[in-house]
Amino acid sequence: MKSNKPFLFLIFLSVLPKIYSQSDSFFYGSFETNGVYYQESESLAYDKKFASNSYLNLKYNLNNKFVFDLQTESYNPQPLQNYSDLLEDTFISTFSINFNTNDFNITTGTIYEQFGSGILLRTWEDRQLGINNSLLGIRASYKKQNLNLVLLGGYQKKSNTISEGKVFGFDSEFTVYENSTTFNNLVVGLSYLGRLEAPHYVSYPFNDLTNSFSGRFDYNSNSFYSNYEYVYKSEDGIVKDEVLSETFVRSGNAHILNLGYFKSGIGLDFTFRRLENMGFYSERIEFGNPYFETTLNYLPALTKQHDYLLTNINVYQSQPNVSFQDPSIMKAGEIGFQFDAYYNFKKETFFGGKYGTKISLNISKWNNLKGSYDYENEDYDLDFLGFGVKYFSEQSLEIRKKWSENFNNIILLVNRYYNKKYAEDSFGEIDSKIVVFDNTLKLKNKKSLRFELQHLFTEDDKKNWFGYGLEYNFNFNFNAYFNSIVNYENEIAGKPTYSNFGVSYSKNANKLILSYGKQRGGLMCFGGVCRYVPEYKGLSLSIISSF
């Protein structure tokens, strides 16, 4: 399969000069490079060494009928730390040809797709996390009136190779009812995904083909929305200690319910999710790997995504997998919920004041599935709605207030519980409280100054943290910043301090970011998906350009 990539690339280059001359066609793309010189690092392999990740994406649209897509990646002399070891040198990572009409669409090559909420299937790219789990194969879709059908099949990308498992499936959606006047509509969906992988070892008590199904509905009205999805995965082997068990075989399932209400000035959103053994990979042995390689589905942590340094300590990541670490740590998935409330106090009211006030409340809680666990016999019997050992809980209140034409601030209060033993298979439980004051002052000539103070209070783990940050915007294009956090009660580690200085310049579709400092190690999260990043000190440069 890999040998076909250069051949297809040559075809693309040979066709490009001919199609470029077409008046109704256009060429576009993007370039991104991220480089770090590691002055210090937890990872010894990166001490005093340079690493970089670079991406060049080229697209050509021919008469709005054909789209040619090609992406090249380079990891020289080595990838940024904690990216997959399989990422090396320069190679063609994705390529595709897409043909589109009003009703019909077909793509050959690299495929990005999502079925429903993504619990069954989602292939996507996130460069900051080092994730690109696209499929190499073929995708066809048909859309006519109230019906939308998708059919696909292929092999999944695994760094600069492809996985051994074959992936194929379909997604269908049907609009049962739609009223454009009242904005009411009801959509139902049905999906199937199959993963075919023959283990190369002994005879296992499960089929080479793993079948999974999803059924869902979405209902929307003027001020209310609701959706529910159920997913089932057939029996499959469980990976224990990076070995596929010959005896531990279980099916998986998922339930997700989302309800919301909104009107002028107010919004409410509630999500409930139950995951049981829903880790799904095109290669079974990659089960739970830290780089999300061969991951077929998308299972983000349904918690509030915060923007501040101290609020991103002890963050939660979803726990969909079965794990029998030892008799004291046995997990089969997660159950929990997230609730969001938003309210805008109008101008010229008691709480709104002259300019109005915005508040948002978030509550989230995630637990292990309650049930009877048998470590010796590798088995469990679960209560459907039972909440077991608590993984994580958080309550946060955010107040956004504009005090004058030139000054506004944000106050954030967070109360958090984090179970390291169960969430990380580590030790300890952490109760913490976080306070953030974020202030922005508009100055003359499009300049502005932002200053923030943060504090994390806890008697557990590494104890208290203090942080502050300063950002000066010279104009809309150029800014400079400094931030620092210190674990000032951590006497054992010598009160570690993490400080960073950087500048950013943007012009049109181009952006340059230069920074120097020491980065705290831990979980780095984007979109509710997290991976571990080692601590390091160094100089980093990022260049992003679209054309």
Protein backbone atom coordinates (compact mmCIF):
# COMPACT_ATOMS: atom_id res chain seq x y z
CA MET A 1 0.00 0.00 0.00
CA LYS A 2 2.81 2.47 0.82
CA SER A 3 4.42 2.04 -2.60
CA ASN A 4 1.34 3.53 -4.28
CA LYS A 5 1.78 6.94 -2.68
CA PRO A 6 4.66 8.23 -4.85
CA PHE A 7 2.89 6.94 -7.95
CA LEU A 8 -0.31 8.82 -7.13
CA PHE A 9 1.71 11.90 -6.31
CA LEU A 10 3.32 11.83 -9.78
CA ILE A 11 -0.13 11.57 -11.34
CA PHE A 12 -1.22 14.59 -9.33
CA LEU A 13 1.81 16.64 -10.47
CA SER A 14 1.36 15.66 -14.10
CA VAL A 15 -2.27 16.71 -14.13
CA LEU A 16 -1.82 19.94 -12.17
CA PRO A 17 -0.21 22.09 -14.93
CA LYS A 18 -3.04 21.22 -17.34
CA ILE A 19 -5.87 21.94 -14.95
CA TYR A 20 -4.30 25.06 -13.50
CA SER A 21 -5.07 26.99 -16.67
CA GLN A 22 -8.83 26.51 -16.28
CA SER A 23 -10.52 29.83 -15.50
CA ASP A 24 -13.09 28.32 -13.12
CA SER A 25 -10.48 26.52 -11.07
CA PHE A 26 -8.27 27.65 -8.21
CA PHE A 27 -5.29 26.49 -6.19
CA TYR A 28 -4.91 26.89 -2.42
CA GLY A 29 -3.13 25.36 0.54
CA SER A 30 -1.31 25.89 3.81
CA PHE A 31 2.09 25.51 5.42
CA GLU A 32 2.92 25.01 9.07
CA THR A 33 6.17 24.35 10.88
CA ASN A 34 6.81 23.98 14.61
CA GLY A 35 10.37 23.72 15.86
CA VAL A 36 11.85 23.47 19.36
CA TYR A 37 15.43 23.65 20.56
CA TYR A 38 15.44 21.63 23.79
CA GLN A 39 17.76 23.17 26.34
CA GLU A 40 16.48 20.85 29.06
CA SER A 41 14.01 17.98 28.96
CA GLU A 42 12.66 15.08 31.01
CA SER A 43 13.24 13.00 27.91
CA LEU A 44 17.00 12.49 27.75
CA ALA A 45 16.87 11.90 24.01
CA TYR A 46 15.94 15.56 23.55
CA ASP A 47 18.58 17.20 25.73
CA LYS A 48 20.20 20.05 23.77
CA LYS A 49 18.69 18.83 20.51
CA PHE A 50 16.50 20.39 17.86
CA ALA A 51 13.21 18.85 16.72
CA SER A 52 10.55 20.00 14.29
CA ASN A 53 7.20 19.05 12.76
CA SER A 54 6.34 20.55 9.37
CA TYR A 55 3.23 20.23 7.21
CA LEU A 56 2.59 21.32 3.61
CA ASN A 57 -0.97 20.92 2.33
CA LEU A 58 -1.89 21.59 -1.32
CA LYS A 59 -5.37 21.61 -2.82
CA TYR A 60 -6.66 22.23 -6.31
CA ASN A 61 -10.33 22.77 -7.15
CA LEU A 62 -11.26 22.06 -10.76
CA ASN A 63 -14.56 23.65 -11.80
CA ASN A 64 -16.09 22.80 -8.41
CA LYS A 65 -16.25 19.19 -9.59
CA PHE A 66 -12.84 17.77 -8.69
CA VAL A 67 -10.68 18.55 -5.67
CA PHE A 68 -7.11 17.24 -5.56
CA ASP A 69 -5.58 17.14 -2.07
CA LEU A 70 -2.02 16.36 -1.04
CA GLN A 71 -0.19 16.73 2.30
CA THR A 72 3.50 16.23 2.96
CA GLU A 73 4.93 16.00 6.46
CA SER A 74 8.51 16.32 7.66
CA TYR A 75 9.99 15.39 11.03
CA ASN A 76 13.63 16.39 10.82
CA PRO A 77 15.93 15.78 12.50
CA GLN A 78 13.33 14.23 14.84
CA PRO A 79 9.70 14.82 15.80
CA LEU A 80 8.74 17.00 18.75
CA GLN A 81 8.91 15.11 22.00
CA ASN A 82 6.11 12.69 22.79
CA TYR A 83 5.07 12.30 19.18
CA SER A 84 5.09 8.78 17.79
CA ASP A 85 8.53 7.24 17.14
CA LEU A 86 7.19 6.10 13.77
CA LEU A 87 7.12 9.73 12.60
CA GLU A 88 10.44 10.34 10.88
CA ASP A 89 12.01 11.96 7.81
CA THR A 90 9.78 13.44 5.08
CA PHE A 91 6.87 11.61 3.49
CA ILE A 92 3.53 12.02 1.77
CA SER A 93 1.02 11.59 4.58
CA THR A 94 -2.35 12.14 2.88
CA PHE A 95 -3.60 12.40 -0.68
CA SER A 96 -7.03 12.24 -2.27
CA ILE A 97 -9.10 12.96 -5.36
CA ASN A 98 -12.67 14.06 -4.77
CA PHE A 99 -15.45 14.20 -7.34
CA ASN A 100 -18.65 16.05 -6.48
CA THR A 101 -22.03 16.68 -8.08
CA ASN A 102 -25.22 18.03 -6.56
CA ASP A 103 -26.27 14.60 -5.28
CA PHE A 104 -23.19 12.40 -5.45
CA ASN A 105 -19.72 12.62 -3.94
CA ILE A 106 -16.83 10.16 -4.17
CA THR A 107 -13.34 10.35 -2.66
CA THR A 108 -10.42 8.04 -3.32
CA GLY A 109 -7.33 8.18 -1.13
CA THR A 110 -7.40 9.87 2.26
CA ILE A 111 -10.78 9.93 3.99
CA TYR A 112 -12.00 12.02 6.91
CA GLU A 113 -15.43 11.06 8.18
CA GLN A 114 -17.67 11.08 11.25
CA PHE A 115 -20.69 8.88 11.97
CA GLY A 116 -23.16 10.50 14.34
CA SER A 117 -21.50 11.89 17.46
CA GLY A 118 -18.22 10.11 16.65
CA ILE A 119 -18.56 7.34 19.26
CA LEU A 120 -18.70 4.80 16.43
CA LEU A 121 -16.33 6.48 13.96
CA ARG A 122 -14.46 9.72 13.63
CA THR A 123 -11.29 10.20 11.61
CA TRP A 124 -9.62 13.57 12.09
CA GLU A 125 -6.33 15.43 12.30
CA ASP A 126 -5.06 17.37 15.30
CA ARG A 127 -1.45 18.43 14.79
CA GLN A 128 -1.03 19.78 18.32
CA LEU A 129 -1.78 16.32 19.69
CA GLY A 130 -0.01 14.47 16.90
CA ILE A 131 -3.23 12.77 15.77
CA ASN A 132 -4.06 11.85 12.19
CA ASN A 133 -6.17 8.71 12.09
CA SER A 134 -7.57 9.11 8.58
CA LEU A 135 -8.49 6.19 6.35
CA LEU A 136 -6.80 5.31 3.08
CA GLY A 137 -9.46 3.92 0.78
CA ILE A 138 -12.67 5.03 -0.89
CA ARG A 139 -15.74 6.97 0.26
CA ALA A 140 -19.00 7.54 -1.59
CA SER A 141 -21.98 9.59 -0.49
CA TYR A 142 -25.43 10.29 -1.87
CA LYS A 143 -27.74 13.08 -0.76
CA LYS A 144 -31.24 13.56 -2.10
CA GLN A 145 -34.06 15.44 -0.43
CA ASN A 146 -34.46 13.90 3.03
CA LEU A 147 -31.91 11.09 2.64
CA ASN A 148 -28.14 11.12 3.19
CA LEU A 149 -26.04 7.96 2.67
CA VAL A 150 -22.30 7.35 3.15
CA LEU A 151 -20.35 4.21 2.25
CA LEU A 152 -16.62 3.79 2.94
CA GLY A 153 -13.80 1.29 3.33
CA GLY A 154 -10.04 1.24 3.66
CA TYR A 155 -7.00 1.00 5.90
CA GLN A 156 -6.25 3.42 8.72
CA LYS A 157 -3.25 5.71 8.81
CA LYS A 158 -0.66 4.76 11.45
CA SER A 159 1.98 7.51 11.54
CA ASN A 160 3.75 7.10 8.18
CA THR A 161 2.43 3.57 7.63
CA ILE A 162 -1.01 1.99 7.55
CA SER A 163 -2.66 -0.39 10.00
CA GLU A 164 -3.22 -4.05 9.29
CA GLY A 165 -6.91 -3.99 10.10
CA LYS A 166 -9.47 -3.38 7.36
CA VAL A 167 -12.23 -0.87 8.12
CA PHE A 168 -15.55 -0.57 6.29
CA GLY A 169 -19.03 0.72 7.02
CA PHE A 170 -21.95 2.95 6.17
CA ASP A 171 -23.85 5.87 7.66
CA SER A 172 -27.42 6.89 6.89
CA GLU A 173 -29.60 9.80 7.95
CA PHE A 174 -33.23 10.42 7.14
CA THR A 175 -35.16 13.61 7.84
CA VAL A 176 -38.53 12.42 9.12
CA TYR A 177 -40.00 15.88 9.58
CA GLU A 178 -38.87 19.41 8.77
CA ASN A 179 -40.59 22.79 9.01
CA SER A 180 -38.44 25.71 7.93
CA THR A 181 -40.95 28.22 9.29
CA THR A 182 -40.94 26.95 12.88
CA PHE A 183 -37.39 25.49 12.68
CA ASN A 184 -38.71 22.11 13.82
CA ASN A 185 -37.07 18.98 12.47
CA LEU A 186 -36.58 15.33 13.34
CA VAL A 187 -33.66 13.33 11.92
CA VAL A 188 -32.94 9.62 12.52
CA GLY A 189 -29.70 7.84 11.73
CA LEU A 190 -28.31 4.32 11.46
CA SER A 191 -24.64 3.39 11.12
CA TYR A 192 -22.46 0.31 10.84
CA LEU A 193 -18.70 -0.10 11.18
CA GLY A 194 -16.72 -3.28 10.77
CA ARG A 195 -13.08 -3.91 11.70
CA LEU A 196 -11.46 -7.02 10.18
CA GLU A 197 -8.15 -8.03 11.72
CA ALA A 198 -6.82 -11.57 12.00
CA PRO A 199 -4.49 -11.97 15.02
CA HIS A 200 -1.16 -13.54 14.15
CA TYR A 201 -0.83 -15.65 17.27
CA VAL A 202 -2.96 -18.43 18.67
CA SER A 203 -6.62 -19.14 18.12
CA TYR A 204 -8.65 -16.56 20.03
CA PRO A 205 -12.24 -17.01 21.28
CA PHE A 206 -13.55 -14.09 19.21
CA ASN A 207 -14.10 -13.43 15.53
CA ASP A 208 -11.62 -11.69 13.26
CA LEU A 209 -14.49 -9.39 12.27
CA THR A 210 -15.77 -7.01 14.94
CA ASN A 211 -19.18 -5.54 14.12
CA SER A 212 -20.48 -2.31 15.59
CA PHE A 213 -23.80 -0.53 15.12
CA SER A 214 -25.26 2.85 16.00
CA GLY A 215 -28.82 4.21 16.08
CA ARG A 216 -29.70 7.84 16.85
CA PHE A 217 -32.24 10.65 16.59
CA ASP A 218 -31.99 14.44 16.58
CA TYR A 219 -34.92 16.74 17.33
CA ASN A 220 -34.76 20.54 17.12
CA SER A 221 -37.30 23.30 17.61
CA ASN A 222 -37.27 27.05 18.06
CA SER A 223 -35.75 26.91 21.53
CA PHE A 224 -35.19 23.24 22.32
CA TYR A 225 -32.93 20.49 21.01
CA SER A 226 -32.37 16.87 21.92
CA ASN A 227 -30.41 13.96 20.58
CA TYR A 228 -29.75 10.41 21.68
CA GLU A 229 -27.39 7.78 20.31
CA TYR A 230 -26.87 4.11 21.17
CA VAL A 231 -23.79 2.18 20.03
CA TYR A 232 -23.06 -1.53 20.25
CA LYS A 233 -19.74 -3.27 19.62
CA SER A 234 -19.61 -7.07 19.30
CA GLU A 235 -17.42 -9.25 21.50
CA ASP A 236 -13.73 -8.61 21.20
CA GLY A 237 -10.51 -9.30 23.05
CA ILE A 238 -9.24 -7.12 25.90
CA VAL A 239 -5.65 -5.91 25.94
CA LYS A 240 -3.91 -6.32 29.30
CA ASP A 241 -0.36 -5.07 29.87
CA GLU A 242 0.05 -4.53 26.09
CA VAL A 243 -0.87 -8.18 25.43
CA LEU A 244 -4.09 -9.38 23.83
CA SER A 245 -5.73 -11.67 26.38
CA GLU A 246 -6.69 -15.17 25.27
CA THR A 247 -9.51 -15.35 27.80
CA PHE A 248 -10.77 -11.83 28.49
CA VAL A 249 -13.49 -11.21 25.89
CA ARG A 250 -16.29 -8.65 26.20
CA SER A 251 -18.71 -6.67 24.06
CA GLY A 252 -19.07 -2.91 24.36
CA ASN A 253 -21.81 -0.33 24.27
CA ALA A 254 -22.40 3.38 24.66
CA HIS A 255 -25.32 5.70 25.42
CA ILE A 256 -25.23 9.45 24.97
CA LEU A 257 -28.12 11.85 25.58
CA ASN A 258 -27.98 15.60 25.00
CA LEU A 259 -30.74 18.08 25.89
CA GLY A 260 -30.71 21.84 25.50
CA TYR A 261 -32.86 24.93 25.84
CA PHE A 262 -32.10 28.43 24.65
CA LYS A 263 -33.68 31.80 24.08
CA SER A 264 -32.55 35.38 24.23
CA GLY A 265 -30.16 35.79 27.15
CA ILE A 266 -30.30 32.23 28.51
CA GLY A 267 -28.96 28.81 27.54
CA LEU A 268 -29.10 25.38 29.21
CA ASP A 269 -27.29 22.25 28.06
CA PHE A 270 -27.17 18.77 29.62
CA THR A 271 -25.23 15.73 28.41
CA PHE A 272 -25.30 12.24 29.87
CA ARG A 273 -22.94 9.55 28.62
CA ARG A 274 -22.27 5.94 29.55
CA LEU A 275 -19.31 4.11 27.96
CA GLU A 276 -18.64 0.42 28.47
CA ASN A 277 -15.58 -1.09 26.78
CA MET A 278 -15.80 1.39 23.90
CA GLY A 279 -12.15 1.74 23.00
CA PHE A 280 -12.10 0.80 19.30
CA TYR A 281 -8.92 0.43 17.23
CA SER A 282 -8.14 -0.82 13.75
CA GLU A 283 -5.29 -2.78 15.40
CA ARG A 284 -6.34 -4.41 18.67
CA ILE A 285 -2.87 -4.32 20.20
CA GLU A 286 -2.85 -0.49 20.01
CA PHE A 287 -5.60 -0.47 22.65
CA GLY A 288 -4.99 2.53 24.93
CA ASN A 289 -1.77 3.70 23.26
CA PRO A 290 -0.65 7.23 24.24
CA TYR A 291 -0.51 8.55 20.66
CA PHE A 292 -4.10 7.56 19.74
CA GLU A 293 -2.75 5.61 16.77
CA THR A 294 -5.35 3.47 14.95
CA THR A 295 -8.13 4.98 17.08
CA LEU A 296 -11.42 4.66 15.21
CA ASN A 297 -13.76 6.67 17.42
CA TYR A 298 -13.85 10.01 19.18
CA LEU A 299 -14.46 10.02 22.93
CA PRO A 300 -13.65 13.46 24.35
CA ALA A 301 -13.84 14.30 28.02
CA LEU A 302 -17.19 16.01 28.48
CA THR A 303 -15.89 18.62 30.88
CA LYS A 304 -15.41 22.36 30.56
CA GLN A 305 -12.34 23.23 28.49
CA HIS A 306 -10.47 25.97 30.35
CA ASP A 307 -7.98 28.49 28.93
CA TYR A 308 -5.72 29.11 31.93
CA LEU A 309 -2.50 27.44 33.02
CA LEU A 310 -3.59 26.39 36.50
CA THR A 311 -7.01 25.20 35.39
CA ASN A 312 -5.21 22.78 33.07
CA ILE A 313 -3.55 20.92 35.92
CA ASN A 314 -5.27 17.63 36.80
CA VAL A 315 -7.58 17.69 33.78
CA TYR A 316 -9.84 14.76 33.02
CA GLN A 317 -9.67 12.51 29.99
CA SER A 318 -12.39 10.01 29.15
CA GLN A 319 -12.11 6.46 30.52
CA PRO A 320 -13.81 4.23 27.91
CA ASN A 321 -11.61 1.16 28.27
CA VAL A 322 -11.65 -1.99 30.36
CA SER A 323 -8.64 -2.02 32.68
CA PHE A 324 -7.81 -4.60 35.32
CA GLN A 325 -4.60 -2.97 36.54
CA ASP A 326 -4.67 -4.91 39.80
CA PRO A 327 -7.37 -6.03 42.27
CA SER A 328 -7.57 -2.47 43.62
CA ILE A 329 -8.06 -0.80 40.21
CA MET A 330 -10.66 -2.43 37.97
CA LYS A 331 -12.51 -0.36 35.40
CA ALA A 332 -15.00 -1.10 32.63
CA GLY A 333 -15.64 2.40 31.31
CA GLU A 334 -17.28 5.56 32.61
CA ILE A 335 -20.65 7.06 33.44
CA GLY A 336 -21.41 10.69 34.10
CA PHE A 337 -22.80 13.99 32.93
CA GLN A 338 -22.05 17.61 32.15
CA PHE A 339 -24.40 20.55 32.69
CA ASP A 340 -23.92 24.07 31.34
CA ALA A 341 -25.98 27.17 32.10
CA TYR A 342 -25.52 30.60 30.54
CA TYR A 343 -27.29 33.84 31.45
CA ASN A 344 -26.88 37.41 30.27
CA PHE A 345 -27.98 40.11 32.68
CA LYS A 346 -29.32 42.93 30.55
CA LYS A 347 -27.92 46.44 30.50
CA GLU A 348 -29.31 48.92 32.98
CA THR A 349 -30.40 46.20 35.45
CA PHE A 350 -29.13 45.68 39.02
CA PHE A 351 -26.69 42.89 38.09
CA GLY A 352 -26.18 44.00 34.51
CA GLY A 353 -25.08 47.53 35.23
CA LYS A 354 -24.39 49.90 32.38
CA TYR A 355 -22.87 47.33 30.02
CA GLY A 356 -24.46 44.02 31.03
CA THR A 357 -23.02 40.95 32.75
CA LYS A 358 -22.54 37.40 31.47
CA ILE A 359 -22.35 34.38 33.76
CA SER A 360 -21.82 30.71 32.99
CA LEU A 361 -22.07 27.71 35.27
CA ASN A 362 -20.62 24.28 34.55
CA ILE A 363 -21.08 21.07 36.55
CA SER A 364 -19.52 17.77 35.54
CA LYS A 365 -19.17 14.41 37.25
CA TRP A 366 -17.59 11.17 35.98
CA ASN A 367 -17.44 7.77 37.68
CA ASN A 368 -16.44 4.20 37.09
CA LEU A 369 -19.28 1.86 36.16
CA LYS A 370 -20.72 0.33 39.31
CA GLY A 371 -20.89 -3.45 39.48
CA SER A 372 -19.23 -6.67 40.62
CA TYR A 373 -15.64 -7.10 39.40
CA ASP A 374 -13.83 -10.47 39.43
CA TYR A 375 -10.08 -10.00 38.98
CA GLU A 376 -9.15 -13.68 39.07
CA ASN A 377 -11.69 -14.74 36.43
CA GLU A 378 -11.42 -11.54 34.37
CA ASP A 379 -15.11 -10.76 34.45
CA TYR A 380 -17.59 -8.14 35.62
CA ASP A 381 -21.33 -7.67 36.03
CA LEU A 382 -22.47 -4.04 35.81
CA ASP A 383 -25.41 -1.99 36.97
CA PHE A 384 -26.75 -0.05 34.02
CA LEU A 385 -27.12 3.29 35.80
CA GLY A 386 -24.83 2.60 38.73
CA PHE A 387 -22.19 5.21 39.64
CA GLY A 388 -19.08 3.51 40.99
CA VAL A 389 -15.80 5.02 42.19
CA LYS A 390 -15.61 8.70 41.31
CA TYR A 391 -13.02 9.66 38.70
CA PHE A 392 -13.59 13.40 38.50
CA SER A 393 -15.98 16.18 39.42
CA GLU A 394 -15.95 19.91 38.85
CA GLN A 395 -18.12 22.96 39.49
CA SER A 396 -17.10 26.22 37.89
CA LEU A 397 -18.59 29.71 37.77
CA GLU A 398 -17.42 32.31 35.26
CA ILE A 399 -18.44 35.97 35.42
CA ARG A 400 -17.68 38.30 32.48
CA LYS A 401 -18.16 41.98 33.23
CA LYS A 402 -17.56 45.10 31.17
CA TRP A 403 -17.00 48.02 33.54
CA SER A 404 -16.36 50.78 31.03
CA GLU A 405 -15.71 51.33 27.35
CA ASN A 406 -12.07 50.42 27.92
CA PHE A 407 -12.02 47.90 30.76
CA ASN A 408 -13.50 44.45 31.29
CA ASN A 409 -12.61 41.42 33.34
CA ILE A 410 -13.33 37.74 33.88
CA ILE A 411 -13.60 36.05 37.27
CA LEU A 412 -13.42 32.25 37.26
CA LEU A 413 -14.02 30.03 40.31
CA VAL A 414 -13.38 26.27 40.07
CA ASN A 415 -13.97 23.50 42.59
CA ARG A 416 -12.43 20.24 41.39
CA TYR A 417 -11.93 16.63 42.51
CA TYR A 418 -9.47 14.41 40.64
CA ASN A 419 -8.79 10.73 41.34
CA LYS A 420 -5.25 10.04 40.12
CA LYS A 421 -5.48 6.40 41.15
CA TYR A 422 -8.31 5.64 38.76
CA ALA A 423 -7.90 8.32 36.10
CA GLU A 424 -4.16 7.71 35.62
CA ASP A 425 -3.66 4.28 37.21
CA SER A 426 -1.44 6.15 39.66
CA PHE A 427 -1.75 7.17 43.32
CA GLY A 428 -3.70 9.75 45.26
CA GLU A 429 -6.81 11.89 45.21
CA ILE A 430 -6.78 15.66 44.76
CA ASP A 431 -9.30 18.21 46.01
CA SER A 432 -8.53 21.67 44.69
CA LYS A 433 -9.99 25.13 44.28
CA ILE A 434 -8.86 27.56 41.59
CA VAL A 435 -9.40 31.31 41.33
CA VAL A 436 -8.65 33.34 38.19
CA PHE A 437 -8.81 37.12 37.63
CA ASP A 438 -8.42 38.05 33.96
CA ASN A 439 -8.41 41.79 33.16
CA THR A 440 -8.24 43.58 29.81
CA LEU A 441 -7.63 47.32 29.34
CA LYS A 442 -8.08 48.93 25.93
CA LEU A 443 -5.54 51.66 25.16
CA LYS A 444 -5.23 54.21 22.43
CA ASN A 445 -4.28 53.41 18.83
CA LYS A 446 -5.66 49.84 18.90
CA LYS A 447 -3.37 48.84 21.76
CA SER A 448 -4.49 46.78 24.74
CA LEU A 449 -3.11 45.30 27.94
CA ARG A 450 -4.25 42.04 29.55
CA PHE A 451 -3.21 40.99 33.05
CA GLU A 452 -4.23 37.82 34.87
CA LEU A 453 -3.75 36.35 38.34
CA GLN A 454 -4.33 32.69 39.21
CA HIS A 455 -4.16 30.56 42.33
CA LEU A 456 -4.71 26.84 42.90
CA PHE A 457 -5.46 25.83 46.49
CA THR A 458 -4.95 22.22 47.58
CA GLU A 459 -3.50 20.29 50.48
CA ASP A 460 -3.01 17.21 48.29
CA ASP A 461 -0.44 16.04 45.74
CA LYS A 462 2.00 18.92 44.99
CA LYS A 463 0.07 21.48 47.08
CA ASN A 464 -0.50 25.14 46.19
CA TRP A 465 0.27 26.95 42.94
CA PHE A 466 0.37 30.64 42.03
CA GLY A 467 0.43 32.12 38.55
CA TYR A 468 0.27 35.39 36.68
CA GLY A 469 0.42 36.58 33.11
CA LEU A 470 0.88 39.79 31.15
CA GLU A 471 0.00 40.35 27.50
CA TYR A 472 0.50 43.53 25.50
CA ASN A 473 -1.12 43.98 22.11
CA PHE A 474 0.69 46.62 20.07
CA ASN A 475 -2.01 46.36 17.41
CA PHE A 476 -4.26 43.71 15.89
CA ASN A 477 -1.22 42.04 14.31
CA PHE A 478 1.53 42.07 16.93
CA ASN A 479 1.60 41.12 20.63
CA ALA A 480 4.00 40.01 23.33
CA TYR A 481 3.33 38.02 26.49
CA PHE A 482 4.90 36.72 29.69
CA ASN A 483 3.44 34.16 32.07
CA SER A 484 4.69 32.24 35.05
CA ILE A 485 3.36 29.63 37.46
CA VAL A 486 5.14 28.43 40.59
CA ASN A 487 4.43 25.39 42.75
CA TYR A 488 5.51 27.38 45.80
CA GLU A 489 4.63 24.80 48.48
CA ASN A 490 6.32 21.88 46.73
CA GLU A 491 9.45 21.75 48.92
CA ILE A 492 10.40 18.27 47.71
CA ALA A 493 10.79 19.39 44.08
CA GLY A 494 12.38 22.71 45.05
CA LYS A 495 9.34 24.93 44.39
CA PRO A 496 9.45 24.50 40.59
CA THR A 497 8.69 27.56 38.46
CA TYR A 498 7.54 27.55 34.85
CA SER A 499 7.95 30.87 33.04
CA ASN A 500 7.51 31.70 29.36
CA PHE A 501 8.01 34.74 27.16
CA GLY A 502 6.79 35.01 23.61
CA VAL A 503 5.85 37.25 20.71
CA SER A 504 3.27 36.70 18.00
CA TYR A 505 2.88 38.43 14.64
CA SER A 506 0.07 37.86 12.17
CA LYS A 507 -0.59 39.40 8.79
CA ASN A 508 -3.49 38.33 6.60
CA ALA A 509 -3.36 34.51 6.60
CA ASN A 510 0.18 34.30 7.99
CA LYS A 511 1.26 33.94 11.63
CA LEU A 512 4.62 33.68 13.39
CA ILE A 513 5.04 32.74 17.07
CA LEU A 514 8.38 32.80 18.92
CA SER A 515 8.66 31.79 22.57
CA TYR A 516 11.21 30.79 25.18
CA GLY A 517 10.75 29.24 28.57
CA LYS A 518 10.04 26.18 30.65
CA GLN A 519 6.93 24.11 29.99
CA ARG A 520 5.23 22.11 32.73
CA GLY A 521 4.88 18.40 32.02
CA GLY A 522 1.50 16.74 32.14
CA LEU A 523 -1.64 16.25 30.11
CA MET A 524 -2.09 18.58 27.16
CA CYS A 525 -5.68 18.73 25.91
CA PHE A 526 -7.45 20.00 22.81
CA GLY A 527 -11.13 19.45 22.19
CA GLY A 528 -11.40 17.24 25.26
CA VAL A 529 -8.73 14.82 24.02
CA CYS A 530 -5.49 14.68 26.02
CA ARG A 531 -2.00 13.26 25.77
CA TYR A 532 0.97 13.45 28.11
CA VAL A 533 3.76 15.95 27.37
CA PRO A 534 7.10 15.77 29.22
CA GLU A 535 8.54 18.81 30.94
CA TYR A 536 11.07 20.80 28.95
CA LYS A 537 12.91 24.12 28.65
CA GLY A 538 13.73 25.57 25.29
CA LEU A 539 13.17 27.92 22.39
CA SER A 540 10.22 27.31 20.08
CA LEU A 541 9.21 28.79 16.73
CA SER A 542 5.94 28.28 14.85
CA ILE A 543 5.09 29.54 11.37
CA ILE A 544 1.59 29.12 9.95
CA SER A 545 0.59 30.30 6.50
CA SER A 546 -2.41 29.84 4.23
CA PHE A 547 -2.48 30.73 0.54
